[in-house]
């Protein structure tokens, strides 16, 4: 019914930038919140950034000042601009849409930060 398609991942050198996108399709009437999460091998999934329907944003302390989350509600799309990437941020990045009372997740996009 609802599908999230992520794009923008790939290989980037330390200090480089990537912009992730996640577009939702299906029967979406009202999105309560969107977010980006990441999971590195052997680690738990962690929140990176969230944005609610009013535009309020929250960021993990480790990415503040370097990452920016934004959304285009008309296009049902959420973005994550990632700057000054670090090797330890290599992970699979997942987008999340809260369409109350359901959480929808993308399949993930690989981000590899390596020289």
C-alpha atoms as a PDB file:
ATOM      1  CA  UNK A   1       0.000   0.000   0.000  1.00  0.00           C
ATOM      2  CA  UNK A   2       2.722   2.445   1.007  1.00  0.00           C
ATOM      3  CA  UNK A   3       6.199   2.194  -0.419  1.00  0.00           C
ATOM      4  CA  UNK A   4       9.269   4.232   0.480  1.00  0.00           C
ATOM      5  CA  UNK A   5      12.048   4.454  -2.091  1.00  0.00           C
ATOM      6  CA  UNK A   6      15.443   5.722  -0.965  1.00  0.00           C
ATOM      7  CA  UNK A   7      18.189   7.044  -3.172  1.00  0.00           C
ATOM      8  CA  UNK A   8      21.442   8.943  -2.967  1.00  0.00           C
ATOM      9  CA  UNK A   9      23.645   6.524  -1.089  1.00  0.00           C
ATOM     10  CA  UNK A  10      27.042   5.473  -2.278  1.00  0.00           C
ATOM     11  CA  UNK A  11      30.759   5.740  -1.688  1.00  0.00           C
ATOM     12  CA  UNK A  12      32.198   9.033  -0.529  1.00  0.00           C
ATOM     13  CA  UNK A  13      35.583  10.081   0.826  1.00  0.00           C
ATOM     14  CA  UNK A  14      35.947  11.335   4.384  1.00  0.00           C
ATOM     15  CA  UNK A  15      34.933  14.968   4.497  1.00  0.00           C
ATOM     16  CA  UNK A  16      32.675  14.561   1.505  1.00  0.00           C
ATOM     17  CA  UNK A  17      28.945  15.051   1.159  1.00  0.00           C
ATOM     18  CA  UNK A  18      25.902  13.075   0.113  1.00  0.00           C
ATOM     19  CA  UNK A  19      22.239  13.928  -0.193  1.00  0.00           C
ATOM     20  CA  UNK A  20      19.734  11.178   0.522  1.00  0.00           C
ATOM     21  CA  UNK A  21      16.153  11.246  -0.699  1.00  0.00           C
ATOM     22  CA  UNK A  22      13.159   9.154   0.252  1.00  0.00           C
ATOM     23  CA  UNK A  23       9.916   9.371  -1.687  1.00  0.00           C
ATOM     24  CA  UNK A  24       6.716   7.761  -0.508  1.00  0.00           C
ATOM     25  CA  UNK A  25       3.954   6.475  -2.721  1.00  0.00           C
ATOM     26  CA  UNK A  26       0.609   4.922  -1.975  1.00  0.00           C
ATOM     27  CA  UNK A  27      -2.364   5.881   0.101  1.00  0.00           C
ATOM     28  CA  UNK A  28      -0.850   8.590   2.241  1.00  0.00           C
ATOM     29  CA  UNK A  29      -3.268  11.097   3.653  1.00  0.00           C
ATOM     30  CA  UNK A  30      -1.331  12.835   6.372  1.00  0.00           C
ATOM     31  CA  UNK A  31       2.293  12.367   7.379  1.00  0.00           C
ATOM     32  CA  UNK A  32       2.878  13.023  11.049  1.00  0.00           C
ATOM     33  CA  UNK A  33       6.650  12.820  10.987  1.00  0.00           C
ATOM     34  CA  UNK A  34       9.605  11.673   8.933  1.00  0.00           C
ATOM     35  CA  UNK A  35      13.054  10.610   9.900  1.00  0.00           C
ATOM     36  CA  UNK A  36      16.362   9.083   8.995  1.00  0.00           C
ATOM     37  CA  UNK A  37      17.975   6.242  10.896  1.00  0.00           C
ATOM     38  CA  UNK A  38      21.176   4.312  10.349  1.00  0.00           C
ATOM     39  CA  UNK A  39      22.561   0.948  11.304  1.00  0.00           C
ATOM     40  CA  UNK A  40      26.192  -0.050  11.080  1.00  0.00           C
ATOM     41  CA  UNK A  41      27.257  -3.714  11.094  1.00  0.00           C
ATOM     42  CA  UNK A  42      27.057  -5.145  14.591  1.00  0.00           C
ATOM     43  CA  UNK A  43      25.376  -2.065  15.998  1.00  0.00           C
ATOM     44  CA  UNK A  44      21.847  -1.074  16.876  1.00  0.00           C
ATOM     45  CA  UNK A  45      19.794   1.119  14.614  1.00  0.00           C
ATOM     46  CA  UNK A  46      20.021   4.724  15.758  1.00  0.00           C
ATOM     47  CA  UNK A  47      18.115   7.862  14.964  1.00  0.00           C
ATOM     48  CA  UNK A  48      19.967  10.426  12.879  1.00  0.00           C
ATOM     49  CA  UNK A  49      17.381  13.148  12.344  1.00  0.00           C
ATOM     50  CA  UNK A  50      13.630  13.663  12.453  1.00  0.00           C
ATOM     51  CA  UNK A  51      11.189  16.273  11.232  1.00  0.00           C
ATOM     52  CA  UNK A  52       7.557  16.553  12.236  1.00  0.00           C
ATOM     53  CA  UNK A  53       4.562  17.845  10.337  1.00  0.00           C
ATOM     54  CA  UNK A  54       5.128  21.330  11.697  1.00  0.00           C
ATOM     55  CA  UNK A  55       8.706  21.417  10.477  1.00  0.00           C
ATOM     56  CA  UNK A  56      10.391  20.957  13.835  1.00  0.00           C
ATOM     57  CA  UNK A  57      13.639  19.039  13.568  1.00  0.00           C
ATOM     58  CA  UNK A  58      15.769  16.991  15.913  1.00  0.00           C
ATOM     59  CA  UNK A  59      19.261  15.655  15.340  1.00  0.00           C
ATOM     60  CA  UNK A  60      21.556  13.192  16.969  1.00  0.00           C
ATOM     61  CA  UNK A  61      24.269  15.077  18.813  1.00  0.00           C
ATOM     62  CA  UNK A  62      26.930  13.516  16.630  1.00  0.00           C
ATOM     63  CA  UNK A  63      25.547  15.036  13.419  1.00  0.00           C
ATOM     64  CA  UNK A  64      24.454  18.487  14.572  1.00  0.00           C
ATOM     65  CA  UNK A  65      25.929  21.190  12.418  1.00  0.00           C
ATOM     66  CA  UNK A  66      26.788  18.782   9.616  1.00  0.00           C
ATOM     67  CA  UNK A  67      23.499  17.129   8.608  1.00  0.00           C
ATOM     68  CA  UNK A  68      20.244  18.782   7.593  1.00  0.00           C
ATOM     69  CA  UNK A  69      16.877  17.091   7.302  1.00  0.00           C
ATOM     70  CA  UNK A  70      14.173  18.662   5.171  1.00  0.00           C
ATOM     71  CA  UNK A  71      10.881  17.628   3.639  1.00  0.00           C
ATOM     72  CA  UNK A  72       8.552  18.450   0.795  1.00  0.00           C
ATOM     73  CA  UNK A  73       5.119  17.419   1.931  1.00  0.00           C
ATOM     74  CA  UNK A  74       3.553  18.029  -1.475  1.00  0.00           C
ATOM     75  CA  UNK A  75       5.932  15.456  -2.930  1.00  0.00           C
ATOM     76  CA  UNK A  76       5.889  13.156   0.113  1.00  0.00           C
ATOM     77  CA  UNK A  77       9.654  13.302   0.122  1.00  0.00           C
ATOM     78  CA  UNK A  78      12.210  13.639   2.894  1.00  0.00           C
ATOM     79  CA  UNK A  79      15.857  14.557   2.371  1.00  0.00           C
ATOM     80  CA  UNK A  80      19.031  14.270   4.381  1.00  0.00           C
ATOM     81  CA  UNK A  81      21.952  16.459   3.426  1.00  0.00           C
ATOM     82  CA  UNK A  82      25.115  15.021   4.937  1.00  0.00           C
ATOM     83  CA  UNK A  83      28.286  17.095   5.001  1.00  0.00           C
ATOM     84  CA  UNK A  84      31.759  16.453   6.376  1.00  0.00           C
ATOM     85  CA  UNK A  85      31.131  12.734   6.497  1.00  0.00           C
ATOM     86  CA  UNK A  86      33.243  10.563   8.772  1.00  0.00           C
ATOM     87  CA  UNK A  87      34.282   6.928   8.278  1.00  0.00           C
ATOM     88  CA  UNK A  88      32.408   5.876  11.415  1.00  0.00           C
ATOM     89  CA  UNK A  89      29.198   7.032   9.738  1.00  0.00           C
ATOM     90  CA  UNK A  90      29.383   4.177   7.268  1.00  0.00           C
ATOM     91  CA  UNK A  91      26.035   2.441   7.628  1.00  0.00           C
ATOM     92  CA  UNK A  92      22.791   1.535   5.972  1.00  0.00           C
ATOM     93  CA  UNK A  93      20.536   4.554   6.176  1.00  0.00           C
ATOM     94  CA  UNK A  94      16.788   4.052   6.472  1.00  0.00           C
ATOM     95  CA  UNK A  95      14.004   6.550   6.035  1.00  0.00           C
ATOM     96  CA  UNK A  96      10.911   6.420   8.173  1.00  0.00           C
ATOM     97  CA  UNK A  97       7.455   7.901   7.716  1.00  0.00           C
ATOM     98  CA  UNK A  98       4.943   8.026  10.529  1.00  0.00           C
ATOM     99  CA  UNK A  99       1.447   7.864   9.118  1.00  0.00           C
ATOM    100  CA  UNK A 100      -0.407   7.403  12.352  1.00  0.00           C
ATOM    101  CA  UNK A 101      -0.712   4.779  13.648  1.00  0.00           C
ATOM    102  CA  UNK A 102       1.757   3.053  11.302  1.00  0.00           C
ATOM    103  CA  UNK A 103       5.500   3.417  10.872  1.00  0.00           C
ATOM    104  CA  UNK A 104       6.706   2.832   7.315  1.00  0.00           C
ATOM    105  CA  UNK A 105      10.325   2.037   6.530  1.00  0.00           C
ATOM    106  CA  UNK A 106      12.389   2.071   3.403  1.00  0.00           C
ATOM    107  CA  UNK A 107      14.662  -0.796   2.441  1.00  0.00           C
ATOM    108  CA  UNK A 108      17.765   1.212   3.247  1.00  0.00           C
ATOM    109  CA  UNK A 109      20.541   2.739   1.213  1.00  0.00           C
ATOM    110  CA  UNK A 110      24.221   2.024   1.819  1.00  0.00           C
ATOM    111  CA  UNK A 111      26.495   4.919   2.682  1.00  0.00           C
ATOM    112  CA  UNK A 112      30.193   4.116   2.742  1.00  0.00           C
ATOM    113  CA  UNK A 113      32.696   6.728   3.888  1.00  0.00           C
ATOM    114  CA  UNK A 114      36.185   5.622   2.994  1.00  0.00           C
ATOM    115  CA  UNK A 115      39.325   6.835   1.303  1.00  0.00           C
END
